[in-house]
């Protein structure tokens, strides 16, 4: 009798590779964002989609505050159409990133979610900063 793990057969390597390739097209993680920023690779715009109050308390360095409800055609026209946006919110318990990603995609823009959000950033031991730069300004 197989274990609970092996009770359902694993997917083929081809199906597994396809699944993870698709998954990585939708998300990135805190380490990759941090490493890219530290190396000066700014080929994406990092958006903190939480409220201005939460952003001003603490946020990922280099992030712009743009709450998901304020993502509009007019607001996003400030960036070139081929801009890649990376969005994050409080953490895995928050669906703000999903709402932001959906809005951006519906506007025809490229987007990835930074999995883990603020919680993941803290878990990695990365530093936060307070705000002066809000997109609402």
N, C-alpha and C. Protein backbone atom coordinates (compact mmCIF):
# COMPACT_ATOMS: atom_id res chain seq x y z
N UNK A 1 0.86 -1.18 0.00
CA UNK A 1 0.00 0.00 0.00
C UNK A 1 0.90 1.24 0.00
N UNK A 2 0.69 2.17 -0.93
CA UNK A 2 1.55 3.36 -1.01
C UNK A 2 1.25 4.35 0.13
N UNK A 3 2.21 5.20 0.38
CA UNK A 3 2.05 6.25 1.38
C UNK A 3 1.02 7.27 0.90
N UNK A 4 0.61 8.16 1.77
CA UNK A 4 -0.29 9.24 1.38
C UNK A 4 0.38 10.11 0.31
N UNK A 5 1.69 10.23 0.36
CA UNK A 5 2.44 11.02 -0.61
C UNK A 5 2.37 10.38 -1.99
N UNK A 6 2.59 9.06 -2.06
CA UNK A 6 2.67 8.35 -3.34
C UNK A 6 1.33 7.82 -3.82
N UNK A 7 0.29 7.97 -3.01
CA UNK A 7 -1.03 7.46 -3.36
C UNK A 7 -1.51 8.01 -4.71
N UNK A 8 -1.26 9.28 -4.97
CA UNK A 8 -1.57 9.88 -6.26
C UNK A 8 -0.24 10.02 -6.99
N UNK A 9 -0.18 9.47 -8.17
CA UNK A 9 1.08 9.46 -8.92
C UNK A 9 1.56 10.88 -9.22
N UNK A 10 2.87 11.06 -9.21
CA UNK A 10 3.46 12.35 -9.56
C UNK A 10 3.28 12.60 -11.05
N UNK A 11 3.23 13.86 -11.41
CA UNK A 11 3.14 14.24 -12.83
C UNK A 11 4.44 13.86 -13.53
N UNK A 12 4.35 13.73 -14.83
CA UNK A 12 5.55 13.43 -15.61
C UNK A 12 6.51 14.62 -15.52
N UNK A 13 7.80 14.40 -15.75
CA UNK A 13 8.74 15.52 -15.74
C UNK A 13 8.35 16.61 -16.74
N UNK A 14 7.82 16.26 -17.89
CA UNK A 14 7.41 17.25 -18.89
C UNK A 14 6.27 18.12 -18.37
N UNK A 15 5.28 17.49 -17.76
CA UNK A 15 4.14 18.24 -17.21
C UNK A 15 4.60 19.11 -16.04
N UNK A 16 5.48 18.57 -15.22
CA UNK A 16 6.01 19.34 -14.09
C UNK A 16 6.79 20.56 -14.57
N UNK A 17 7.64 20.37 -15.57
CA UNK A 17 8.41 21.50 -16.11
C UNK A 17 7.49 22.57 -16.68
N UNK A 18 6.45 22.16 -17.39
CA UNK A 18 5.50 23.10 -17.96
C UNK A 18 4.78 23.88 -16.87
N UNK A 19 4.36 23.19 -15.84
CA UNK A 19 3.66 23.83 -14.72
C UNK A 19 4.53 24.90 -14.07
N UNK A 20 5.78 24.56 -13.75
CA UNK A 20 6.64 25.52 -13.05
C UNK A 20 7.09 26.66 -13.95
N UNK A 21 7.24 26.40 -15.22
CA UNK A 21 7.56 27.50 -16.14
C UNK A 21 6.40 28.50 -16.18
N UNK A 22 5.17 28.01 -16.23
CA UNK A 22 4.00 28.89 -16.21
C UNK A 22 3.92 29.64 -14.89
N UNK A 23 4.15 28.93 -13.79
CA UNK A 23 4.04 29.55 -12.47
C UNK A 23 5.05 30.70 -12.31
N UNK A 24 6.27 30.49 -12.78
CA UNK A 24 7.29 31.53 -12.65
C UNK A 24 7.03 32.72 -13.57
N UNK A 25 6.17 32.58 -14.54
CA UNK A 25 5.79 33.71 -15.39
C UNK A 25 4.86 34.66 -14.63
N UNK A 26 4.27 34.18 -13.54
CA UNK A 26 3.33 34.97 -12.76
C UNK A 26 3.91 35.55 -11.47
N UNK A 27 5.03 34.99 -11.02
CA UNK A 27 5.53 35.40 -9.72
C UNK A 27 7.05 35.45 -9.67
N UNK A 28 7.52 36.20 -8.68
CA UNK A 28 8.92 36.26 -8.33
C UNK A 28 8.98 36.20 -6.81
N UNK A 29 10.17 36.15 -6.25
CA UNK A 29 10.23 36.12 -4.79
C UNK A 29 11.05 37.27 -4.24
N UNK A 30 11.03 37.39 -2.94
CA UNK A 30 11.71 38.51 -2.27
C UNK A 30 13.20 38.48 -2.54
N UNK A 31 13.82 37.31 -2.53
CA UNK A 31 15.25 37.22 -2.76
C UNK A 31 15.61 37.74 -4.14
N UNK A 32 14.86 37.34 -5.16
CA UNK A 32 15.15 37.79 -6.52
C UNK A 32 14.96 39.29 -6.67
N UNK A 33 13.93 39.84 -6.05
CA UNK A 33 13.73 41.29 -6.09
C UNK A 33 14.88 42.00 -5.39
N UNK A 34 15.23 41.54 -4.20
CA UNK A 34 16.32 42.16 -3.44
C UNK A 34 17.63 42.09 -4.22
N UNK A 35 17.96 40.93 -4.75
CA UNK A 35 19.21 40.77 -5.49
C UNK A 35 19.24 41.65 -6.73
N UNK A 36 18.12 41.76 -7.41
CA UNK A 36 18.05 42.61 -8.61
C UNK A 36 18.25 44.07 -8.25
N UNK A 37 17.57 44.52 -7.20
CA UNK A 37 17.71 45.92 -6.77
C UNK A 37 19.14 46.20 -6.31
N UNK A 38 19.72 45.28 -5.55
CA UNK A 38 21.08 45.47 -5.05
C UNK A 38 22.10 45.53 -6.18
N UNK A 39 21.83 44.80 -7.26
CA UNK A 39 22.75 44.78 -8.41
C UNK A 39 22.47 45.93 -9.37
N UNK A 40 21.45 46.73 -9.08
CA UNK A 40 21.11 47.85 -9.96
C UNK A 40 20.33 47.47 -11.19
N UNK A 41 19.76 46.27 -11.19
CA UNK A 41 18.95 45.81 -12.33
C UNK A 41 17.51 46.29 -12.13
N UNK A 42 17.22 47.47 -12.64
CA UNK A 42 15.89 48.07 -12.47
C UNK A 42 15.09 47.92 -13.76
N UNK A 43 14.85 46.67 -14.17
CA UNK A 43 14.05 46.43 -15.37
C UNK A 43 12.59 46.13 -15.01
N UNK A 44 12.19 46.57 -13.84
CA UNK A 44 10.81 46.43 -13.38
C UNK A 44 10.51 47.59 -12.44
N UNK A 45 9.23 47.85 -12.23
CA UNK A 45 8.78 48.86 -11.28
C UNK A 45 8.13 48.11 -10.12
N UNK A 46 8.63 48.35 -8.93
CA UNK A 46 8.14 47.69 -7.73
C UNK A 46 7.03 48.53 -7.11
N UNK A 47 5.83 47.96 -7.02
CA UNK A 47 4.68 48.66 -6.47
C UNK A 47 4.23 48.04 -5.16
N UNK A 48 4.18 48.85 -4.13
CA UNK A 48 3.59 48.47 -2.86
C UNK A 48 2.12 48.85 -2.97
N UNK A 49 1.23 47.87 -2.98
CA UNK A 49 -0.19 48.13 -3.25
C UNK A 49 -1.02 48.23 -1.97
N UNK A 50 -0.34 48.42 -0.84
CA UNK A 50 -1.04 48.62 0.43
C UNK A 50 -1.46 50.08 0.58
N UNK A 51 -2.08 50.39 1.67
CA UNK A 51 -2.54 51.75 1.91
C UNK A 51 -1.36 52.68 2.13
N UNK A 52 -1.53 53.98 1.87
CA UNK A 52 -0.46 54.94 2.16
C UNK A 52 -0.01 54.91 3.63
N UNK A 53 -0.93 54.68 4.55
CA UNK A 53 -0.57 54.63 5.97
C UNK A 53 0.38 53.47 6.25
N UNK A 54 0.08 52.31 5.70
CA UNK A 54 0.97 51.16 5.91
C UNK A 54 2.32 51.40 5.22
N UNK A 55 2.27 51.94 4.02
CA UNK A 55 3.50 52.22 3.28
C UNK A 55 4.40 53.19 4.05
N UNK A 56 3.81 54.23 4.61
CA UNK A 56 4.62 55.23 5.30
C UNK A 56 5.28 54.67 6.56
N UNK A 57 4.66 53.68 7.14
CA UNK A 57 5.24 53.04 8.32
C UNK A 57 6.48 52.24 7.94
N UNK A 58 6.37 51.46 6.86
CA UNK A 58 7.47 50.60 6.45
C UNK A 58 7.17 50.04 5.07
N UNK A 59 8.20 49.97 4.24
CA UNK A 59 8.04 49.39 2.90
C UNK A 59 9.38 48.89 2.39
N UNK A 60 9.32 48.15 1.30
CA UNK A 60 10.52 47.64 0.65
C UNK A 60 11.24 48.82 0.01
N UNK A 61 12.54 48.95 0.22
CA UNK A 61 13.29 50.06 -0.38
C UNK A 61 13.12 50.09 -1.90
N UNK A 62 12.86 51.27 -2.42
CA UNK A 62 12.70 51.43 -3.86
C UNK A 62 11.28 51.24 -4.37
N UNK A 63 10.38 50.83 -3.48
CA UNK A 63 8.99 50.61 -3.90
C UNK A 63 8.24 51.93 -3.98
N UNK A 64 7.30 51.98 -4.89
CA UNK A 64 6.39 53.11 -5.05
C UNK A 64 5.04 52.68 -4.48
N UNK A 65 4.42 53.54 -3.71
CA UNK A 65 3.11 53.21 -3.15
C UNK A 65 2.02 53.52 -4.16
N UNK A 66 1.29 52.50 -4.55
CA UNK A 66 0.14 52.66 -5.44
C UNK A 66 -0.90 51.62 -5.04
N UNK A 67 -1.81 51.98 -4.14
CA UNK A 67 -2.84 51.04 -3.72
C UNK A 67 -3.59 50.47 -4.93
N UNK A 68 -3.94 49.20 -4.84
CA UNK A 68 -4.54 48.53 -5.99
C UNK A 68 -5.78 49.24 -6.51
N UNK A 69 -6.53 49.89 -5.65
CA UNK A 69 -7.72 50.62 -6.08
C UNK A 69 -7.42 51.86 -6.91
N UNK A 70 -6.18 52.30 -6.90
CA UNK A 70 -5.79 53.49 -7.66
C UNK A 70 -5.06 53.15 -8.95
N UNK A 71 -5.03 51.89 -9.29
CA UNK A 71 -4.41 51.46 -10.55
C UNK A 71 -5.44 51.69 -11.65
N UNK A 72 -5.22 52.73 -12.43
CA UNK A 72 -6.14 53.11 -13.50
C UNK A 72 -5.36 53.30 -14.79
N UNK A 73 -6.06 53.36 -15.88
CA UNK A 73 -5.43 53.61 -17.17
C UNK A 73 -4.64 54.92 -17.13
N UNK A 74 -5.26 55.96 -16.61
CA UNK A 74 -4.59 57.25 -16.55
C UNK A 74 -3.32 57.17 -15.71
N UNK A 75 -3.42 56.58 -14.53
CA UNK A 75 -2.26 56.51 -13.62
C UNK A 75 -1.13 55.69 -14.24
N UNK A 76 -1.45 54.61 -14.90
CA UNK A 76 -0.42 53.71 -15.43
C UNK A 76 0.18 54.25 -16.72
N UNK A 77 -0.43 55.26 -17.32
CA UNK A 77 0.11 55.84 -18.55
C UNK A 77 1.42 56.58 -18.30
N UNK A 78 1.80 56.74 -17.03
CA UNK A 78 3.07 57.38 -16.69
C UNK A 78 4.27 56.52 -17.04
N UNK A 79 4.03 55.23 -17.28
CA UNK A 79 5.11 54.30 -17.61
C UNK A 79 4.95 53.79 -19.04
N UNK A 80 6.06 53.41 -19.69
CA UNK A 80 5.95 52.82 -21.02
C UNK A 80 5.07 51.56 -20.99
N UNK A 81 4.41 51.28 -22.09
CA UNK A 81 3.47 50.16 -22.16
C UNK A 81 4.13 48.80 -21.91
N UNK A 82 5.43 48.69 -22.16
CA UNK A 82 6.10 47.41 -21.97
C UNK A 82 6.76 47.26 -20.60
N UNK A 83 6.42 48.13 -19.65
CA UNK A 83 6.98 48.07 -18.30
C UNK A 83 6.51 46.81 -17.59
N UNK A 84 7.44 46.17 -16.91
CA UNK A 84 7.09 45.03 -16.04
C UNK A 84 6.88 45.58 -14.64
N UNK A 85 5.72 45.31 -14.07
CA UNK A 85 5.40 45.73 -12.71
C UNK A 85 5.50 44.52 -11.79
N UNK A 86 6.10 44.72 -10.62
CA UNK A 86 6.14 43.71 -9.57
C UNK A 86 5.35 44.29 -8.41
N UNK A 87 4.35 43.56 -7.96
CA UNK A 87 3.46 44.05 -6.92
C UNK A 87 3.61 43.22 -5.65
N UNK A 88 3.44 43.89 -4.51
CA UNK A 88 3.42 43.17 -3.24
C UNK A 88 2.48 43.89 -2.27
N UNK A 89 2.05 43.14 -1.26
CA UNK A 89 1.24 43.71 -0.18
C UNK A 89 1.77 43.16 1.14
N UNK A 90 0.91 42.98 2.10
CA UNK A 90 1.35 42.61 3.45
C UNK A 90 2.01 41.24 3.50
N UNK A 91 1.44 40.28 2.83
CA UNK A 91 1.99 38.93 2.89
C UNK A 91 1.01 37.91 2.35
N UNK A 92 1.26 36.64 2.61
CA UNK A 92 0.43 35.58 2.03
C UNK A 92 -1.03 35.64 2.46
N UNK A 93 -1.30 36.33 3.55
CA UNK A 93 -2.67 36.44 4.05
C UNK A 93 -3.45 37.58 3.39
N UNK A 94 -2.81 38.30 2.47
CA UNK A 94 -3.40 39.49 1.84
C UNK A 94 -3.62 39.23 0.35
N UNK A 95 -4.78 39.58 -0.16
CA UNK A 95 -5.02 39.38 -1.60
C UNK A 95 -4.87 40.67 -2.40
N UNK A 96 -4.27 41.69 -1.80
CA UNK A 96 -4.04 42.94 -2.51
C UNK A 96 -3.19 42.76 -3.76
N UNK A 97 -2.22 41.85 -3.70
CA UNK A 97 -1.40 41.60 -4.89
C UNK A 97 -2.22 40.99 -6.01
N UNK A 98 -3.14 40.11 -5.65
CA UNK A 98 -4.00 39.51 -6.67
C UNK A 98 -4.88 40.55 -7.33
N UNK A 99 -5.43 41.45 -6.52
CA UNK A 99 -6.28 42.52 -7.06
C UNK A 99 -5.46 43.45 -7.95
N UNK A 100 -4.25 43.79 -7.51
CA UNK A 100 -3.39 44.66 -8.32
C UNK A 100 -2.97 43.97 -9.61
N UNK A 101 -2.58 42.71 -9.52
CA UNK A 101 -2.16 41.97 -10.72
C UNK A 101 -3.31 41.87 -11.72
N UNK A 102 -4.51 41.63 -11.23
CA UNK A 102 -5.67 41.55 -12.10
C UNK A 102 -5.93 42.89 -12.78
N UNK A 103 -5.88 43.97 -12.03
CA UNK A 103 -6.09 45.31 -12.62
C UNK A 103 -5.04 45.62 -13.68
N UNK A 104 -3.77 45.35 -13.37
CA UNK A 104 -2.70 45.63 -14.33
C UNK A 104 -2.86 44.79 -15.59
N UNK A 105 -3.15 43.52 -15.43
CA UNK A 105 -3.33 42.65 -16.59
C UNK A 105 -4.52 43.09 -17.43
N UNK A 106 -5.60 43.51 -16.79
CA UNK A 106 -6.77 43.99 -17.54
C UNK A 106 -6.47 45.27 -18.29
N UNK A 107 -5.45 46.01 -17.83
CA UNK A 107 -5.02 47.22 -18.54
C UNK A 107 -4.00 46.89 -19.63
N UNK A 108 -3.70 45.61 -19.80
CA UNK A 108 -2.77 45.18 -20.84
C UNK A 108 -1.31 45.31 -20.44
N UNK A 109 -1.05 45.33 -19.12
CA UNK A 109 0.32 45.52 -18.63
C UNK A 109 0.89 44.23 -18.08
N UNK A 110 2.22 44.11 -18.16
CA UNK A 110 2.92 42.94 -17.63
C UNK A 110 3.06 43.07 -16.12
N UNK A 111 2.84 41.97 -15.42
CA UNK A 111 2.90 42.01 -13.96
C UNK A 111 3.34 40.66 -13.41
N UNK A 112 4.10 40.75 -12.32
CA UNK A 112 4.43 39.58 -11.50
C UNK A 112 4.14 39.95 -10.05
N UNK A 113 3.79 38.95 -9.28
CA UNK A 113 3.56 39.11 -7.86
C UNK A 113 4.83 38.73 -7.12
N UNK A 114 5.24 39.57 -6.15
CA UNK A 114 6.35 39.20 -5.28
C UNK A 114 5.76 38.37 -4.14
N UNK A 115 5.92 37.06 -4.25
CA UNK A 115 5.32 36.17 -3.25
C UNK A 115 5.94 36.44 -1.88
N UNK A 116 5.10 36.37 -0.87
CA UNK A 116 5.55 36.62 0.50
C UNK A 116 5.30 38.03 0.96
N UNK A 117 5.35 38.99 0.03
CA UNK A 117 5.11 40.39 0.39
C UNK A 117 6.01 40.86 1.53
N UNK A 118 5.48 41.71 2.37
CA UNK A 118 6.23 42.27 3.50
C UNK A 118 6.68 41.16 4.46
N UNK A 119 5.83 40.17 4.66
CA UNK A 119 6.18 39.06 5.55
C UNK A 119 7.37 38.29 5.00
N UNK A 120 7.36 38.00 3.71
CA UNK A 120 8.47 37.30 3.09
C UNK A 120 9.76 38.11 3.14
N UNK A 121 9.63 39.42 2.91
CA UNK A 121 10.80 40.32 2.96
C UNK A 121 11.43 40.26 4.35
N UNK A 122 10.58 40.33 5.37
CA UNK A 122 11.07 40.25 6.76
C UNK A 122 11.69 38.88 7.05
N UNK A 123 11.04 37.83 6.57
CA UNK A 123 11.57 36.48 6.80
C UNK A 123 12.96 36.30 6.20
N UNK A 124 13.24 36.99 5.10
CA UNK A 124 14.56 36.92 4.47
C UNK A 124 15.59 37.76 5.23
N UNK A 125 15.12 38.60 6.15
CA UNK A 125 16.03 39.45 6.92
C UNK A 125 16.42 40.73 6.19
N UNK A 126 15.68 41.09 5.15
CA UNK A 126 16.00 42.30 4.39
C UNK A 126 15.47 43.53 5.11
N UNK A 127 16.17 44.65 4.92
CA UNK A 127 15.80 45.90 5.58
C UNK A 127 14.59 46.55 4.93
N UNK A 128 13.86 47.27 5.72
CA UNK A 128 12.74 48.10 5.26
C UNK A 128 13.15 49.56 5.37
N UNK A 129 12.36 50.41 4.74
CA UNK A 129 12.54 51.85 4.95
C UNK A 129 11.20 52.50 5.16
N UNK A 130 11.21 53.69 5.74
CA UNK A 130 10.01 54.51 5.85
C UNK A 130 9.86 55.25 4.55
N UNK A 131 8.86 56.05 4.43
CA UNK A 131 8.51 56.60 3.13
C UNK A 131 8.97 58.01 2.88
N UNK A 132 9.35 58.55 1.90
CA UNK A 132 8.89 59.86 1.49
C UNK A 132 8.18 59.80 0.16
N UNK A 133 8.39 58.74 -0.64
CA UNK A 133 7.93 58.77 -2.02
C UNK A 133 6.65 57.98 -2.20
N UNK A 134 5.54 58.62 -2.19
CA UNK A 134 4.27 57.96 -2.48
C UNK A 134 3.81 58.36 -3.87
N UNK A 135 3.24 57.42 -4.57
CA UNK A 135 2.74 57.70 -5.92
C UNK A 135 1.54 58.64 -5.87
N UNK A 136 0.95 58.78 -4.69
CA UNK A 136 -0.20 59.69 -4.57
C UNK A 136 0.23 61.14 -4.50
N UNK A 137 1.51 61.38 -4.30
CA UNK A 137 2.00 62.76 -4.14
C UNK A 137 1.97 63.51 -5.46
